[in-house]
């Protein structure tokens, strides 16, 4: 949790900087980034379970928790 909160803050700050200086971001842009991040965490969970030959049952709820912690709007 010590790492997740600062990463979420940096993610939100990066979206704000992109929105202000690069291009205007709409809901679809932010949602696409969040879906990509959740997909990455889900793939990492499946990969680690497959590589170790055992299911990490705790990883699947963690993916949902990460998805819930990501900001929905910048």
C-alpha atoms as a PDB file:
ATOM      1  CA  UNK A   1       0.000   0.000   0.000  1.00  0.00           C
ATOM      2  CA  UNK A   2       2.944   2.327   0.599  1.00  0.00           C
ATOM      3  CA  UNK A   3       3.809   2.142  -3.083  1.00  0.00           C
ATOM      4  CA  UNK A   4       0.303   2.083  -4.530  1.00  0.00           C
ATOM      5  CA  UNK A   5      -0.905   5.426  -3.184  1.00  0.00           C
ATOM      6  CA  UNK A   6       2.096   7.449  -4.453  1.00  0.00           C
ATOM      7  CA  UNK A   7       1.799   5.705  -7.838  1.00  0.00           C
ATOM      8  CA  UNK A   8      -1.897   6.593  -7.997  1.00  0.00           C
ATOM      9  CA  UNK A   9      -1.062  10.216  -7.160  1.00  0.00           C
ATOM     10  CA  UNK A  10       1.652  10.317  -9.841  1.00  0.00           C
ATOM     11  CA  UNK A  11      -0.757   8.746 -12.340  1.00  0.00           C
ATOM     12  CA  UNK A  12      -3.336  11.417 -11.605  1.00  0.00           C
ATOM     13  CA  UNK A  13      -0.687  14.141 -11.836  1.00  0.00           C
ATOM     14  CA  UNK A  14       0.567  12.790 -15.165  1.00  0.00           C
ATOM     15  CA  UNK A  15      -2.965  12.861 -16.550  1.00  0.00           C
ATOM     16  CA  UNK A  16      -3.379  16.450 -15.332  1.00  0.00           C
ATOM     17  CA  UNK A  17      -0.100  17.541 -16.991  1.00  0.00           C
ATOM     18  CA  UNK A  18      -1.025  15.796 -20.253  1.00  0.00           C
ATOM     19  CA  UNK A  19      -4.469  17.391 -20.099  1.00  0.00           C
ATOM     20  CA  UNK A  20      -3.017  20.857 -19.524  1.00  0.00           C
ATOM     21  CA  UNK A  21      -0.004  20.846 -21.846  1.00  0.00           C
ATOM     22  CA  UNK A  22      -0.279  18.102 -24.451  1.00  0.00           C
ATOM     23  CA  UNK A  23      -3.892  17.444 -25.406  1.00  0.00           C
ATOM     24  CA  UNK A  24      -7.299  17.613 -23.785  1.00  0.00           C
ATOM     25  CA  UNK A  25      -8.242  14.295 -22.228  1.00  0.00           C
ATOM     26  CA  UNK A  26     -11.810  13.096 -22.126  1.00  0.00           C
ATOM     27  CA  UNK A  27     -13.427  10.315 -20.173  1.00  0.00           C
ATOM     28  CA  UNK A  28     -12.659   7.806 -22.941  1.00  0.00           C
ATOM     29  CA  UNK A  29      -8.911   8.513 -22.766  1.00  0.00           C
ATOM     30  CA  UNK A  30      -8.794   8.067 -19.008  1.00  0.00           C
ATOM     31  CA  UNK A  31     -10.958   4.941 -19.131  1.00  0.00           C
ATOM     32  CA  UNK A  32      -8.683   3.401 -21.778  1.00  0.00           C
ATOM     33  CA  UNK A  33      -5.600   3.981 -19.628  1.00  0.00           C
ATOM     34  CA  UNK A  34      -7.335   2.497 -16.579  1.00  0.00           C
ATOM     35  CA  UNK A  35      -8.513  -0.565 -18.516  1.00  0.00           C
ATOM     36  CA  UNK A  36      -4.962  -1.047 -19.775  1.00  0.00           C
ATOM     37  CA  UNK A  37      -3.555  -0.851 -16.228  1.00  0.00           C
ATOM     38  CA  UNK A  38      -6.115  -3.281 -14.833  1.00  0.00           C
ATOM     39  CA  UNK A  39      -5.431  -5.640 -17.748  1.00  0.00           C
ATOM     40  CA  UNK A  40      -1.713  -5.430 -17.043  1.00  0.00           C
ATOM     41  CA  UNK A  41      -2.236  -6.345 -13.384  1.00  0.00           C
ATOM     42  CA  UNK A  42      -4.555  -9.201 -14.352  1.00  0.00           C
ATOM     43  CA  UNK A  43      -2.003 -10.569 -16.846  1.00  0.00           C
ATOM     44  CA  UNK A  44       0.779 -10.276 -14.271  1.00  0.00           C
ATOM     45  CA  UNK A  45      -1.369 -12.267 -11.827  1.00  0.00           C
ATOM     46  CA  UNK A  46      -2.058 -14.998 -14.371  1.00  0.00           C
ATOM     47  CA  UNK A  47       1.599 -15.102 -15.406  1.00  0.00           C
ATOM     48  CA  UNK A  48       2.875 -15.378 -11.834  1.00  0.00           C
ATOM     49  CA  UNK A  49       0.331 -18.105 -11.070  1.00  0.00           C
ATOM     50  CA  UNK A  50       1.340 -20.044 -14.193  1.00  0.00           C
ATOM     51  CA  UNK A  51       5.086 -19.577 -13.694  1.00  0.00           C
ATOM     52  CA  UNK A  52       4.924 -20.813 -10.110  1.00  0.00           C
ATOM     53  CA  UNK A  53       2.551 -23.674 -10.896  1.00  0.00           C
ATOM     54  CA  UNK A  54       0.046 -22.622  -8.271  1.00  0.00           C
ATOM     55  CA  UNK A  55      -2.895 -20.269  -8.140  1.00  0.00           C
ATOM     56  CA  UNK A  56      -2.373 -17.123  -6.110  1.00  0.00           C
ATOM     57  CA  UNK A  57      -5.961 -16.674  -4.995  1.00  0.00           C
ATOM     58  CA  UNK A  58      -5.144 -13.443  -3.152  1.00  0.00           C
ATOM     59  CA  UNK A  59      -3.942 -11.817  -6.378  1.00  0.00           C
ATOM     60  CA  UNK A  60      -7.368 -11.715  -8.030  1.00  0.00           C
ATOM     61  CA  UNK A  61      -9.015  -9.593  -5.305  1.00  0.00           C
ATOM     62  CA  UNK A  62      -5.902  -7.373  -5.349  1.00  0.00           C
ATOM     63  CA  UNK A  63      -6.521  -6.631  -9.034  1.00  0.00           C
ATOM     64  CA  UNK A  64     -10.056  -5.540  -8.160  1.00  0.00           C
ATOM     65  CA  UNK A  65      -8.724  -3.392  -5.301  1.00  0.00           C
ATOM     66  CA  UNK A  66      -6.211  -1.718  -7.615  1.00  0.00           C
ATOM     67  CA  UNK A  67      -8.993  -1.090 -10.122  1.00  0.00           C
ATOM     68  CA  UNK A  68     -11.045   0.553  -7.372  1.00  0.00           C
ATOM     69  CA  UNK A  69      -8.167   2.777  -6.245  1.00  0.00           C
ATOM     70  CA  UNK A  70      -7.415   4.201  -9.670  1.00  0.00           C
ATOM     71  CA  UNK A  71      -8.912   7.648 -10.071  1.00  0.00           C
ATOM     72  CA  UNK A  72     -11.878   7.738 -12.390  1.00  0.00           C
ATOM     73  CA  UNK A  73     -11.545  11.368 -13.438  1.00  0.00           C
ATOM     74  CA  UNK A  74      -8.574  13.701 -13.462  1.00  0.00           C
END
